[in-house]
């Protein structure tokens, strides 16, 4: 739903897929080199009441806390030492986690990984 914020009433959204590039969502037609994976018409929802807004904020805060708790318990795989330094290993593990987490990362989970990399690189 976040992808559609700011669109005018009744606007069309194109999902474009192109080999070697990330999937894009746009209001203009896909370029010739991309495949149109989906076309959706968008009609905005009604305005939320203040109770619904508060409830969504509370749900968002709960999810953020859950992500932070999960990030604190992220197991770091044990790898036998190799030619790579511990700093490079920590960076590659963080990159692997970022790819698997996608955009569903909280500030606390990103900070936890950055702290791990900082400890390994010092």
C-alpha atoms as a PDB file:
ATOM      1  CA  UNK A   1       0.000   0.000   0.000  1.00  0.00           C
ATOM      2  CA  UNK A   2       2.951   2.318   0.607  1.00  0.00           C
ATOM      3  CA  UNK A   3       3.806   2.206  -3.084  1.00  0.00           C
ATOM      4  CA  UNK A   4       0.535   3.885  -3.972  1.00  0.00           C
ATOM      5  CA  UNK A   5       0.622   6.871  -1.648  1.00  0.00           C
ATOM      6  CA  UNK A   6       0.200  10.162  -3.429  1.00  0.00           C
ATOM      7  CA  UNK A   7      -1.524   8.791  -6.511  1.00  0.00           C
ATOM      8  CA  UNK A   8      -4.582  10.535  -7.867  1.00  0.00           C
ATOM      9  CA  UNK A   9      -7.998   8.926  -7.798  1.00  0.00           C
ATOM     10  CA  UNK A  10      -8.401   6.241 -10.474  1.00  0.00           C
ATOM     11  CA  UNK A  11      -4.763   6.156 -11.552  1.00  0.00           C
ATOM     12  CA  UNK A  12      -3.081   3.086 -13.093  1.00  0.00           C
ATOM     13  CA  UNK A  13       0.037   1.425 -11.652  1.00  0.00           C
ATOM     14  CA  UNK A  14       2.334  -0.732 -13.831  1.00  0.00           C
ATOM     15  CA  UNK A  15       4.536  -3.490 -12.416  1.00  0.00           C
ATOM     16  CA  UNK A  16       7.602  -3.756 -14.673  1.00  0.00           C
ATOM     17  CA  UNK A  17      10.049  -6.678 -14.601  1.00  0.00           C
ATOM     18  CA  UNK A  18      13.359  -6.466 -16.426  1.00  0.00           C
ATOM     19  CA  UNK A  19      16.115  -9.095 -16.342  1.00  0.00           C
ATOM     20  CA  UNK A  20      19.008  -8.028 -14.119  1.00  0.00           C
ATOM     21  CA  UNK A  21      17.112  -5.096 -12.617  1.00  0.00           C
ATOM     22  CA  UNK A  22      14.804  -4.808  -9.605  1.00  0.00           C
ATOM     23  CA  UNK A  23      11.051  -4.898 -10.135  1.00  0.00           C
ATOM     24  CA  UNK A  24       9.629  -1.396 -10.463  1.00  0.00           C
ATOM     25  CA  UNK A  25       6.178   0.036  -9.847  1.00  0.00           C
ATOM     26  CA  UNK A  26       5.361   3.159 -11.829  1.00  0.00           C
ATOM     27  CA  UNK A  27       2.496   5.241 -13.122  1.00  0.00           C
ATOM     28  CA  UNK A  28       3.849   5.427 -16.664  1.00  0.00           C
ATOM     29  CA  UNK A  29       3.960   2.411 -19.034  1.00  0.00           C
ATOM     30  CA  UNK A  30       6.958   0.088 -18.780  1.00  0.00           C
ATOM     31  CA  UNK A  31       9.924   0.632 -21.126  1.00  0.00           C
ATOM     32  CA  UNK A  32      10.151  -1.596 -24.220  1.00  0.00           C
ATOM     33  CA  UNK A  33      12.947  -3.674 -22.618  1.00  0.00           C
ATOM     34  CA  UNK A  34      10.791  -4.544 -19.584  1.00  0.00           C
ATOM     35  CA  UNK A  35       7.953  -7.027 -19.283  1.00  0.00           C
ATOM     36  CA  UNK A  36       4.634  -5.765 -17.894  1.00  0.00           C
ATOM     37  CA  UNK A  37       3.948  -8.168 -15.022  1.00  0.00           C
ATOM     38  CA  UNK A  38       0.751  -6.547 -13.769  1.00  0.00           C
ATOM     39  CA  UNK A  39      -1.455  -3.503 -14.277  1.00  0.00           C
ATOM     40  CA  UNK A  40      -3.665  -2.310 -11.458  1.00  0.00           C
ATOM     41  CA  UNK A  41      -6.126   0.492 -11.235  1.00  0.00           C
ATOM     42  CA  UNK A  42      -5.914   2.341  -7.953  1.00  0.00           C
ATOM     43  CA  UNK A  43      -8.748   3.877  -6.011  1.00  0.00           C
ATOM     44  CA  UNK A  44      -7.658   5.410  -2.694  1.00  0.00           C
ATOM     45  CA  UNK A  45      -9.197   4.192   0.566  1.00  0.00           C
ATOM     46  CA  UNK A  46     -11.443   6.366   2.627  1.00  0.00           C
ATOM     47  CA  UNK A  47      -9.886   8.665   5.208  1.00  0.00           C
ATOM     48  CA  UNK A  48      -9.124   6.801   8.444  1.00  0.00           C
ATOM     49  CA  UNK A  49     -10.744   7.845  11.694  1.00  0.00           C
ATOM     50  CA  UNK A  50      -8.471   8.960  14.516  1.00  0.00           C
ATOM     51  CA  UNK A  51      -9.187   5.663  16.348  1.00  0.00           C
ATOM     52  CA  UNK A  52      -8.083   3.661  13.313  1.00  0.00           C
ATOM     53  CA  UNK A  53      -4.956   5.807  12.967  1.00  0.00           C
ATOM     54  CA  UNK A  54      -4.066   5.213  16.636  1.00  0.00           C
ATOM     55  CA  UNK A  55      -4.659   1.484  16.233  1.00  0.00           C
ATOM     56  CA  UNK A  56      -2.382   1.335  13.175  1.00  0.00           C
ATOM     57  CA  UNK A  57       0.302   3.316  14.991  1.00  0.00           C
ATOM     58  CA  UNK A  58       0.107   0.876  17.915  1.00  0.00           C
ATOM     59  CA  UNK A  59       0.355  -2.095  15.547  1.00  0.00           C
ATOM     60  CA  UNK A  60       3.344  -0.498  13.796  1.00  0.00           C
ATOM     61  CA  UNK A  61       5.099   0.109  17.128  1.00  0.00           C
ATOM     62  CA  UNK A  62       4.495  -3.502  18.160  1.00  0.00           C
ATOM     63  CA  UNK A  63       5.939  -4.786  14.876  1.00  0.00           C
ATOM     64  CA  UNK A  64       9.003  -2.551  15.268  1.00  0.00           C
ATOM     65  CA  UNK A  65       9.597  -3.929  18.773  1.00  0.00           C
ATOM     66  CA  UNK A  66       9.237  -7.491  17.486  1.00  0.00           C
ATOM     67  CA  UNK A  67      11.755  -6.838  14.699  1.00  0.00           C
ATOM     68  CA  UNK A  68      14.193  -5.302  17.183  1.00  0.00           C
ATOM     69  CA  UNK A  69      13.852  -8.303  19.490  1.00  0.00           C
ATOM     70  CA  UNK A  70      14.375 -10.679  16.591  1.00  0.00           C
ATOM     71  CA  UNK A  71      17.432  -8.711  15.421  1.00  0.00           C
ATOM     72  CA  UNK A  72      19.023  -9.016  18.849  1.00  0.00           C
ATOM     73  CA  UNK A  73      18.798 -12.812  18.580  1.00  0.00           C
ATOM     74  CA  UNK A  74      19.987 -13.187  14.991  1.00  0.00           C
ATOM     75  CA  UNK A  75      22.338 -16.142  14.954  1.00  0.00           C
ATOM     76  CA  UNK A  76      25.648 -15.547  13.266  1.00  0.00           C
ATOM     77  CA  UNK A  77      26.712 -18.691  11.433  1.00  0.00           C
ATOM     78  CA  UNK A  78      29.956 -20.215  12.626  1.00  0.00           C
ATOM     79  CA  UNK A  79      32.489 -20.331   9.847  1.00  0.00           C
ATOM     80  CA  UNK A  80      35.953 -21.739  10.086  1.00  0.00           C
ATOM     81  CA  UNK A  81      38.611 -19.073   9.604  1.00  0.00           C
ATOM     82  CA  UNK A  82      39.735 -18.707   6.036  1.00  0.00           C
ATOM     83  CA  UNK A  83      41.771 -16.263   4.011  1.00  0.00           C
ATOM     84  CA  UNK A  84      39.054 -13.627   4.509  1.00  0.00           C
ATOM     85  CA  UNK A  85      39.393 -11.434   7.534  1.00  0.00           C
ATOM     86  CA  UNK A  86      36.716 -11.339  10.229  1.00  0.00           C
ATOM     87  CA  UNK A  87      35.820  -7.837   9.068  1.00  0.00           C
ATOM     88  CA  UNK A  88      35.111  -8.983   5.510  1.00  0.00           C
ATOM     89  CA  UNK A  89      33.171 -11.966   6.842  1.00  0.00           C
ATOM     90  CA  UNK A  90      30.980  -9.743   9.040  1.00  0.00           C
ATOM     91  CA  UNK A  91      30.311  -7.401   6.113  1.00  0.00           C
ATOM     92  CA  UNK A  92      29.310 -10.254   3.823  1.00  0.00           C
ATOM     93  CA  UNK A  93      26.997 -11.696   6.508  1.00  0.00           C
ATOM     94  CA  UNK A  94      25.365  -8.273   6.931  1.00  0.00           C
ATOM     95  CA  UNK A  95      24.865  -7.973   3.158  1.00  0.00           C
ATOM     96  CA  UNK A  96      23.346 -11.461   3.072  1.00  0.00           C
ATOM     97  CA  UNK A  97      20.956 -10.513   5.884  1.00  0.00           C
ATOM     98  CA  UNK A  98      20.018  -7.248   4.119  1.00  0.00           C
ATOM     99  CA  UNK A  99      19.143  -9.156   0.932  1.00  0.00           C
ATOM    100  CA  UNK A 100      17.041 -11.690   2.822  1.00  0.00           C
ATOM    101  CA  UNK A 101      15.277  -9.049   4.964  1.00  0.00           C
ATOM    102  CA  UNK A 102      14.525  -6.775   2.008  1.00  0.00           C
ATOM    103  CA  UNK A 103      12.664  -3.633   2.981  1.00  0.00           C
ATOM    104  CA  UNK A 104      11.207  -5.222   6.109  1.00  0.00           C
ATOM    105  CA  UNK A 105      14.056  -4.048   8.320  1.00  0.00           C
ATOM    106  CA  UNK A 106      13.729  -1.996  11.447  1.00  0.00           C
ATOM    107  CA  UNK A 107      16.159   0.672  12.548  1.00  0.00           C
ATOM    108  CA  UNK A 108      17.192  -1.466  15.535  1.00  0.00           C
ATOM    109  CA  UNK A 109      17.952  -4.533  13.407  1.00  0.00           C
ATOM    110  CA  UNK A 110      20.082  -2.478  10.994  1.00  0.00           C
ATOM    111  CA  UNK A 111      21.880  -0.894  13.937  1.00  0.00           C
ATOM    112  CA  UNK A 112      22.519  -4.323  15.515  1.00  0.00           C
ATOM    113  CA  UNK A 113      24.157  -5.555  12.318  1.00  0.00           C
ATOM    114  CA  UNK A 114      26.198  -2.359  11.925  1.00  0.00           C
ATOM    115  CA  UNK A 115      27.417  -2.744  15.517  1.00  0.00           C
ATOM    116  CA  UNK A 116      28.482  -6.348  14.809  1.00  0.00           C
ATOM    117  CA  UNK A 117      30.413  -5.241  11.750  1.00  0.00           C
ATOM    118  CA  UNK A 118      32.045  -2.400  13.704  1.00  0.00           C
ATOM    119  CA  UNK A 119      33.153  -4.841  16.445  1.00  0.00           C
ATOM    120  CA  UNK A 120      34.573  -7.253  13.858  1.00  0.00           C
ATOM    121  CA  UNK A 121      36.417  -4.493  11.989  1.00  0.00           C
ATOM    122  CA  UNK A 122      38.043  -2.896  15.039  1.00  0.00           C
END
